[in-house]
C-alpha atoms as a PDB file:
ATOM      1  CA  UNK A   1     -81.710  39.575 -25.556  1.00  0.00           C
ATOM      2  CA  UNK A   2     -84.516  40.407 -27.421  1.00  0.00           C
ATOM      3  CA  UNK A   3     -87.505  37.905 -26.978  1.00  0.00           C
ATOM      4  CA  UNK A   4     -88.546  36.116 -29.557  1.00  0.00           C
ATOM      5  CA  UNK A   5     -91.699  35.516 -30.830  1.00  0.00           C
ATOM      6  CA  UNK A   6     -90.775  31.980 -31.980  1.00  0.00           C
ATOM      7  CA  UNK A   7     -88.572  30.363 -29.999  1.00  0.00           C
ATOM      8  CA  UNK A   8     -89.528  26.924 -28.508  1.00  0.00           C
ATOM      9  CA  UNK A   9     -89.335  28.514 -24.805  1.00  0.00           C
ATOM     10  CA  UNK A  10     -92.860  29.669 -24.177  1.00  0.00           C
ATOM     11  CA  UNK A  11     -93.263  31.578 -20.080  1.00  0.00           C
ATOM     12  CA  UNK A  12     -95.991  33.208 -18.669  1.00  0.00           C
ATOM     13  CA  UNK A  13     -96.842  36.214 -17.007  1.00  0.00           C
ATOM     14  CA  UNK A  14     -99.433  38.747 -16.573  1.00  0.00           C
ATOM     15  CA  UNK A  15    -100.075  41.729 -18.493  1.00  0.00           C
ATOM     16  CA  UNK A  16    -100.660  44.044 -15.456  1.00  0.00           C
ATOM     17  CA  UNK A  17     -99.979  43.865 -11.874  1.00  0.00           C
ATOM     18  CA  UNK A  18    -100.369  47.111  -9.298  1.00  0.00           C
ATOM     19  CA  UNK A  19     -97.669  49.570  -8.981  1.00  0.00           C
ATOM     20  CA  UNK A  20     -95.946  47.938  -6.191  1.00  0.00           C
ATOM     21  CA  UNK A  21     -95.643  44.484  -7.352  1.00  0.00           C
ATOM     22  CA  UNK A  22     -93.944  45.519 -10.733  1.00  0.00           C
ATOM     23  CA  UNK A  23     -90.366  44.244 -10.183  1.00  0.00           C
ATOM     24  CA  UNK A  24     -91.706  41.709  -7.829  1.00  0.00           C
ATOM     25  CA  UNK A  25     -93.428  39.152 -10.267  1.00  0.00           C
ATOM     26  CA  UNK A  26     -91.870  35.803  -9.959  1.00  0.00           C
ATOM     27  CA  UNK A  27     -91.705  35.628 -13.638  1.00  0.00           C
ATOM     28  CA  UNK A  28     -88.568  38.232 -13.359  1.00  0.00           C
ATOM     29  CA  UNK A  29     -86.712  35.336 -12.084  1.00  0.00           C
ATOM     30  CA  UNK A  30     -87.015  33.000 -14.772  1.00  0.00           C
ATOM     31  CA  UNK A  31     -86.430  36.053 -17.569  1.00  0.00           C
ATOM     32  CA  UNK A  32     -83.457  36.474 -15.720  1.00  0.00           C
ATOM     33  CA  UNK A  33     -82.151  32.983 -16.047  1.00  0.00           C
ATOM     34  CA  UNK A  34     -82.886  32.495 -19.368  1.00  0.00           C
ATOM     35  CA  UNK A  35     -80.903  35.648 -20.006  1.00  0.00           C
ATOM     36  CA  UNK A  36     -78.146  34.570 -18.388  1.00  0.00           C
ATOM     37  CA  UNK A  37     -78.205  31.602 -20.004  1.00  0.00           C
ATOM     38  CA  UNK A  38     -78.552  33.137 -23.415  1.00  0.00           C
ATOM     39  CA  UNK A  39     -81.786  31.039 -24.136  1.00  0.00           C
ATOM     40  CA  UNK A  40     -84.690  32.803 -26.172  1.00  0.00           C
ATOM     41  CA  UNK A  41     -88.352  32.746 -24.992  1.00  0.00           C
ATOM     42  CA  UNK A  42     -91.867  34.062 -25.825  1.00  0.00           C
ATOM     43  CA  UNK A  43     -94.372  35.397 -23.572  1.00  0.00           C
ATOM     44  CA  UNK A  44     -98.053  34.364 -22.620  1.00  0.00           C
ATOM     45  CA  UNK A  45     -99.196  37.146 -21.394  1.00  0.00           C
ATOM     46  CA  UNK A  46    -102.618  36.862 -19.129  1.00  0.00           C
ATOM     47  CA  UNK A  47    -105.133  39.053 -18.217  1.00  0.00           C
ATOM     48  CA  UNK A  48    -105.633  39.283 -14.521  1.00  0.00           C
ATOM     49  CA  UNK A  49    -108.551  36.840 -13.408  1.00  0.00           C
ATOM     50  CA  UNK A  50    -107.367  34.125 -16.521  1.00  0.00           C
ATOM     51  CA  UNK A  51    -104.499  32.398 -14.825  1.00  0.00           C
ATOM     52  CA  UNK A  52    -107.586  31.275 -12.155  1.00  0.00           C
ATOM     53  CA  UNK A  53    -109.367  29.829 -14.950  1.00  0.00           C
ATOM     54  CA  UNK A  54    -109.067  25.642 -16.543  1.00  0.00           C
ATOM     55  CA  UNK A  55    -106.756  26.008 -19.756  1.00  0.00           C
ATOM     56  CA  UNK A  56    -103.823  28.206 -17.488  1.00  0.00           C
ATOM     57  CA  UNK A  57    -104.616  25.340 -14.174  1.00  0.00           C
ATOM     58  CA  UNK A  58    -103.704  22.828 -16.302  1.00  0.00           C
ATOM     59  CA  UNK A  59     -99.732  24.093 -16.750  1.00  0.00           C
ATOM     60  CA  UNK A  60    -100.378  25.467 -12.524  1.00  0.00           C
ATOM     61  CA  UNK A  61    -102.498  24.236 -10.694  1.00  0.00           C
ATOM     62  CA  UNK A  62    -102.549  26.832  -8.201  1.00  0.00           C
ATOM     63  CA  UNK A  63    -103.416  29.309 -11.088  1.00  0.00           C
ATOM     64  CA  UNK A  64    -100.244  31.539 -10.610  1.00  0.00           C
ATOM     65  CA  UNK A  65     -97.419  32.722 -12.807  1.00  0.00           C
ATOM     66  CA  UNK A  66     -94.232  32.046 -14.380  1.00  0.00           C
ATOM     67  CA  UNK A  67     -94.878  28.424 -16.295  1.00  0.00           C
ATOM     68  CA  UNK A  68     -92.316  27.231 -18.710  1.00  0.00           C
ATOM     69  CA  UNK A  69     -93.105  25.340 -21.703  1.00  0.00           C
ATOM     70  CA  UNK A  70     -90.667  23.567 -24.197  1.00  0.00           C
ATOM     71  CA  UNK A  71     -91.359  20.476 -26.406  1.00  0.00           C
ATOM     72  CA  UNK A  72     -93.574  18.488 -24.255  1.00  0.00           C
ATOM     73  CA  UNK A  73     -92.134  19.693 -21.125  1.00  0.00           C
ATOM     74  CA  UNK A  74     -94.272  21.959 -18.789  1.00  0.00           C
ATOM     75  CA  UNK A  75     -93.141  23.384 -15.419  1.00  0.00           C
ATOM     76  CA  UNK A  76     -94.121  25.980 -12.630  1.00  0.00           C
ATOM     77  CA  UNK A  77     -92.940  26.906  -9.258  1.00  0.00           C
ATOM     78  CA  UNK A  78     -89.880  29.584 -10.379  1.00  0.00           C
ATOM     79  CA  UNK A  79     -87.326  27.783  -7.903  1.00  0.00           C
ATOM     80  CA  UNK A  80     -88.021  24.370 -10.156  1.00  0.00           C
ATOM     81  CA  UNK A  81     -87.720  26.244 -13.368  1.00  0.00           C
ATOM     82  CA  UNK A  82     -84.573  28.099 -12.849  1.00  0.00           C
ATOM     83  CA  UNK A  83     -82.921  25.238 -11.607  1.00  0.00           C
ATOM     84  CA  UNK A  84     -84.044  23.049 -15.309  1.00  0.00           C
ATOM     85  CA  UNK A  85     -82.793  26.226 -16.930  1.00  0.00           C
ATOM     86  CA  UNK A  86     -79.485  26.238 -15.137  1.00  0.00           C
ATOM     87  CA  UNK A  87     -78.831  22.693 -15.722  1.00  0.00           C
ATOM     88  CA  UNK A  88     -79.241  22.720 -19.258  1.00  0.00           C
ATOM     89  CA  UNK A  89     -77.010  25.855 -20.419  1.00  0.00           C
ATOM     90  CA  UNK A  90     -73.576  26.637 -18.999  1.00  0.00           C
ATOM     91  CA  UNK A  91     -72.917  29.762 -16.412  1.00  0.00           C
ATOM     92  CA  UNK A  92     -75.102  28.892 -13.985  1.00  0.00           C
ATOM     93  CA  UNK A  93     -74.671  25.820 -11.971  1.00  0.00           C
ATOM     94  CA  UNK A  94     -70.288  25.503 -11.305  1.00  0.00           C
ATOM     95  CA  UNK A  95     -67.998  22.736 -12.129  1.00  0.00           C
ATOM     96  CA  UNK A  96     -68.451  19.458  -9.905  1.00  0.00           C
ATOM     97  CA  UNK A  97     -71.540  17.584  -8.241  1.00  0.00           C
ATOM     98  CA  UNK A  98     -70.632  19.005  -5.249  1.00  0.00           C
ATOM     99  CA  UNK A  99     -70.110  22.795  -5.919  1.00  0.00           C
ATOM    100  CA  UNK A 100     -73.431  22.285  -8.058  1.00  0.00           C
ATOM    101  CA  UNK A 101     -75.049  20.497  -5.005  1.00  0.00           C
ATOM    102  CA  UNK A 102     -74.180  24.169  -3.039  1.00  0.00           C
ATOM    103  CA  UNK A 103     -75.436  26.267  -5.808  1.00  0.00           C
ATOM    104  CA  UNK A 104     -78.745  24.660  -5.391  1.00  0.00           C
ATOM    105  CA  UNK A 105     -78.580  24.477  -1.903  1.00  0.00           C
ATOM    106  CA  UNK A 106     -78.789  28.404  -2.042  1.00  0.00           C
ATOM    107  CA  UNK A 107     -82.058  28.178  -4.039  1.00  0.00           C
ATOM    108  CA  UNK A 108     -83.832  26.352  -1.497  1.00  0.00           C
ATOM    109  CA  UNK A 109     -82.638  28.990   1.095  1.00  0.00           C
ATOM    110  CA  UNK A 110     -83.476  31.765  -0.823  1.00  0.00           C
ATOM    111  CA  UNK A 111     -87.267  30.168  -1.531  1.00  0.00           C
ATOM    112  CA  UNK A 112     -87.567  28.240   2.308  1.00  0.00           C
ATOM    113  CA  UNK A 113     -85.694  30.063   4.563  1.00  0.00           C
ATOM    114  CA  UNK A 114     -85.537  34.010   3.546  1.00  0.00           C
ATOM    115  CA  UNK A 115     -88.758  34.414   0.921  1.00  0.00           C
ATOM    116  CA  UNK A 116     -91.474  33.133   4.017  1.00  0.00           C
ATOM    117  CA  UNK A 117     -90.860  35.544   6.021  1.00  0.00           C
ATOM    118  CA  UNK A 118     -90.744  38.709   3.447  1.00  0.00           C
ATOM    119  CA  UNK A 119     -94.345  36.911   2.363  1.00  0.00           C
ATOM    120  CA  UNK A 120     -95.533  37.346   5.708  1.00  0.00           C
ATOM    121  CA  UNK A 121     -94.892  40.715   5.766  1.00  0.00           C
ATOM    122  CA  UNK A 122     -96.349  41.701   2.565  1.00  0.00           C
ATOM    123  CA  UNK A 123     -99.264  39.920   3.912  1.00  0.00           C
ATOM    124  CA  UNK A 124     -99.713  42.034   7.111  1.00  0.00           C
ATOM    125  CA  UNK A 125     -98.488  45.251   4.707  1.00  0.00           C
ATOM    126  CA  UNK A 126    -100.511  45.124   2.143  1.00  0.00           C
ATOM    127  CA  UNK A 127    -102.581  42.181   1.402  1.00  0.00           C
ATOM    128  CA  UNK A 128    -104.530  42.186   4.644  1.00  0.00           C
ATOM    129  CA  UNK A 129    -103.483  45.908   5.734  1.00  0.00           C
ATOM    130  CA  UNK A 130    -106.889  46.441   6.810  1.00  0.00           C
ATOM    131  CA  UNK A 131    -107.242  43.213   9.365  1.00  0.00           C
ATOM    132  CA  UNK A 132    -107.362  43.739  12.689  1.00  0.00           C
ATOM    133  CA  UNK A 133    -104.352  41.392  13.206  1.00  0.00           C
ATOM    134  CA  UNK A 134    -102.079  42.840  10.747  1.00  0.00           C
ATOM    135  CA  UNK A 135    -100.804  45.971  12.463  1.00  0.00           C
ATOM    136  CA  UNK A 136     -99.759  43.685  15.486  1.00  0.00           C
ATOM    137  CA  UNK A 137     -97.852  41.152  13.991  1.00  0.00           C
ATOM    138  CA  UNK A 138     -95.669  43.089  11.636  1.00  0.00           C
ATOM    139  CA  UNK A 139     -93.117  43.955  14.664  1.00  0.00           C
ATOM    140  CA  UNK A 140     -92.534  39.674  15.203  1.00  0.00           C
ATOM    141  CA  UNK A 141     -92.747  39.296  11.275  1.00  0.00           C
ATOM    142  CA  UNK A 142     -90.058  42.290  11.091  1.00  0.00           C
ATOM    143  CA  UNK A 143     -88.054  40.415  13.893  1.00  0.00           C
ATOM    144  CA  UNK A 144     -87.422  37.075  11.859  1.00  0.00           C
ATOM    145  CA  UNK A 145     -86.271  38.927   8.966  1.00  0.00           C
ATOM    146  CA  UNK A 146     -83.847  40.959  10.770  1.00  0.00           C
ATOM    147  CA  UNK A 147     -82.787  37.490  12.251  1.00  0.00           C
ATOM    148  CA  UNK A 148     -82.937  35.596   8.745  1.00  0.00           C
ATOM    149  CA  UNK A 149     -80.950  38.712   6.706  1.00  0.00           C
ATOM    150  CA  UNK A 150     -78.226  38.878   9.894  1.00  0.00           C
ATOM    151  CA  UNK A 151     -77.314  35.316   9.306  1.00  0.00           C
ATOM    152  CA  UNK A 152     -77.085  35.522   6.016  1.00  0.00           C
ATOM    153  CA  UNK A 153     -75.086  38.766   5.643  1.00  0.00           C
ATOM    154  CA  UNK A 154     -72.712  36.719   8.116  1.00  0.00           C
ATOM    155  CA  UNK A 155     -72.268  33.440   5.905  1.00  0.00           C
ATOM    156  CA  UNK A 156     -71.670  36.028   2.942  1.00  0.00           C
ATOM    157  CA  UNK A 157     -69.169  38.169   4.351  1.00  0.00           C
ATOM    158  CA  UNK A 158     -67.017  39.868   2.135  1.00  0.00           C
ATOM    159  CA  UNK A 159     -67.220  37.755  -0.427  1.00  0.00           C
ATOM    160  CA  UNK A 160     -68.837  38.865  -3.826  1.00  0.00           C
ATOM    161  CA  UNK A 161     -71.036  35.970  -4.085  1.00  0.00           C
ATOM    162  CA  UNK A 162     -72.251  33.040  -1.884  1.00  0.00           C
ATOM    163  CA  UNK A 163     -70.030  29.984  -3.586  1.00  0.00           C
ATOM    164  CA  UNK A 164     -67.139  32.079  -4.666  1.00  0.00           C
ATOM    165  CA  UNK A 165     -68.582  32.375  -8.544  1.00  0.00           C
ATOM    166  CA  UNK A 166     -71.966  33.580  -9.567  1.00  0.00           C
ATOM    167  CA  UNK A 167     -74.528  30.899  -9.721  1.00  0.00           C
ATOM    168  CA  UNK A 168     -78.217  30.087  -9.707  1.00  0.00           C
ATOM    169  CA  UNK A 169     -78.008  30.489  -5.850  1.00  0.00           C
ATOM    170  CA  UNK A 170     -76.906  34.226  -5.743  1.00  0.00           C
ATOM    171  CA  UNK A 171     -79.853  34.682  -8.676  1.00  0.00           C
ATOM    172  CA  UNK A 172     -82.689  32.852  -6.658  1.00  0.00           C
ATOM    173  CA  UNK A 173     -81.154  35.050  -3.368  1.00  0.00           C
ATOM    174  CA  UNK A 174     -81.396  38.366  -4.996  1.00  0.00           C
ATOM    175  CA  UNK A 175     -84.351  38.289  -6.627  1.00  0.00           C
ATOM    176  CA  UNK A 176     -85.510  37.575  -3.185  1.00  0.00           C
ATOM    177  CA  UNK A 177     -84.338  40.078  -1.752  1.00  0.00           C
ATOM    178  CA  UNK A 178     -85.606  42.649  -4.279  1.00  0.00           C
ATOM    179  CA  UNK A 179     -88.371  42.066  -1.432  1.00  0.00           C
ATOM    180  CA  UNK A 180     -86.551  44.042   1.024  1.00  0.00           C
ATOM    181  CA  UNK A 181     -88.274  47.703   0.301  1.00  0.00           C
ATOM    182  CA  UNK A 182     -90.345  49.872   1.372  1.00  0.00           C
ATOM    183  CA  UNK A 183     -90.993  50.073   5.322  1.00  0.00           C
ATOM    184  CA  UNK A 184     -88.077  47.450   4.717  1.00  0.00           C
ATOM    185  CA  UNK A 185     -85.206  49.350   3.347  1.00  0.00           C
ATOM    186  CA  UNK A 186     -84.033  50.335   6.052  1.00  0.00           C
ATOM    187  CA  UNK A 187     -82.703  46.450   6.978  1.00  0.00           C
ATOM    188  CA  UNK A 188     -79.904  47.058   5.003  1.00  0.00           C
ATOM    189  CA  UNK A 189     -78.537  50.270   6.969  1.00  0.00           C
ATOM    190  CA  UNK A 190     -77.644  47.271   9.573  1.00  0.00           C
ATOM    191  CA  UNK A 191     -76.449  45.005   6.673  1.00  0.00           C
ATOM    192  CA  UNK A 192     -74.385  47.020   3.972  1.00  0.00           C
ATOM    193  CA  UNK A 193     -72.791  43.404   2.214  1.00  0.00           C
ATOM    194  CA  UNK A 194     -75.954  42.481   1.551  1.00  0.00           C
ATOM    195  CA  UNK A 195     -76.982  45.845  -0.008  1.00  0.00           C
ATOM    196  CA  UNK A 196     -73.787  45.580  -2.184  1.00  0.00           C
ATOM    197  CA  UNK A 197     -74.439  41.823  -2.360  1.00  0.00           C
ATOM    198  CA  UNK A 198     -78.026  42.786  -4.392  1.00  0.00           C
ATOM    199  CA  UNK A 199     -76.555  45.644  -6.039  1.00  0.00           C
ATOM    200  CA  UNK A 200     -73.975  43.709  -7.631  1.00  0.00           C
ATOM    201  CA  UNK A 201     -76.875  41.317  -9.321  1.00  0.00           C
ATOM    202  CA  UNK A 202     -79.198  43.824 -10.500  1.00  0.00           C
ATOM    203  CA  UNK A 203     -75.989  45.322 -12.429  1.00  0.00           C
ATOM    204  CA  UNK A 204     -75.501  42.827 -14.257  1.00  0.00           C
ATOM    205  CA  UNK A 205     -76.885  42.795 -17.994  1.00  0.00           C
ATOM    206  CA  UNK A 206     -78.996  39.692 -17.693  1.00  0.00           C
ATOM    207  CA  UNK A 207     -81.072  41.087 -14.837  1.00  0.00           C
ATOM    208  CA  UNK A 208     -81.054  44.452 -16.709  1.00  0.00           C
ATOM    209  CA  UNK A 209     -82.658  43.116 -19.951  1.00  0.00           C
ATOM    210  CA  UNK A 210     -85.202  40.883 -17.664  1.00  0.00           C
ATOM    211  CA  UNK A 211     -86.190  43.870 -15.535  1.00  0.00           C
ATOM    212  CA  UNK A 212     -86.915  45.842 -18.504  1.00  0.00           C
ATOM    213  CA  UNK A 213     -88.807  43.476 -20.635  1.00  0.00           C
ATOM    214  CA  UNK A 214     -91.067  42.483 -17.246  1.00  0.00           C
ATOM    215  CA  UNK A 215     -91.857  46.240 -17.084  1.00  0.00           C
ATOM    216  CA  UNK A 216     -92.788  46.848 -20.810  1.00  0.00           C
ATOM    217  CA  UNK A 217     -94.709  43.894 -20.675  1.00  0.00           C
ATOM    218  CA  UNK A 218     -97.390  45.399 -18.661  1.00  0.00           C
ATOM    219  CA  UNK A 219     -99.701  46.595 -21.328  1.00  0.00           C
ATOM    220  CA  UNK A 220    -102.850  45.717 -20.058  1.00  0.00           C
ATOM    221  CA  UNK A 221    -105.478  46.784 -17.959  1.00  0.00           C
ATOM    222  CA  UNK A 222    -106.625  46.304 -14.250  1.00  0.00           C
ATOM    223  CA  UNK A 223    -109.983  44.261 -13.575  1.00  0.00           C
ATOM    224  CA  UNK A 224    -113.144  45.679 -13.517  1.00  0.00           C
ATOM    225  CA  UNK A 225    -113.551  46.750  -9.742  1.00  0.00           C
ATOM    226  CA  UNK A 226    -109.498  47.625  -9.285  1.00  0.00           C
ATOM    227  CA  UNK A 227    -109.125  50.543  -6.616  1.00  0.00           C
ATOM    228  CA  UNK A 228    -112.728  50.609  -5.550  1.00  0.00           C
ATOM    229  CA  UNK A 229    -113.313  51.474  -1.636  1.00  0.00           C
END
């Protein structure tokens, strides 16, 4: 699906991030959901620093991306946005209230149970890597990640998707599992079913379109002083 500059849906994204973050910025989750739903959208690209300015904080109080705007509705937080998209378009939520609740359950599991430990790893290994406490913390963080991945692996088993058919829960879980890379990449060696699960999600045409769109959007320049020692 091509991005329509006149579409009624507008999302925000950064026009530049460092290489290690490309493919991981959370607007990818929203782009993927929009692609799965077949909804046209446009992107407002923010140069680094402008996300903290009053104009953007009016729609995202924490100065982050993505945001979602349609008519008089403005949303922030990728989980809320993705669930909203899923609720208004077929294909991302299964039929029946119980099945829909279970799909939403996995969105929250991805964000609240799996992602926090992966974010802790990113803080220790990238954002605060120069701090004396970071390296000593990494073994404990890695252990917590391994525990959660093991539990997820056990639940998934040999199934293709978490609840039988692809849903918004799989979309969010696979998006979070994108963070398992770098020094953590070997962890999938212990959980080949999770590796295959992520690969199935990444192979979906909607994911490929979303990823390509995000990568093509990084046309800006780093902020002044970036990379200075």
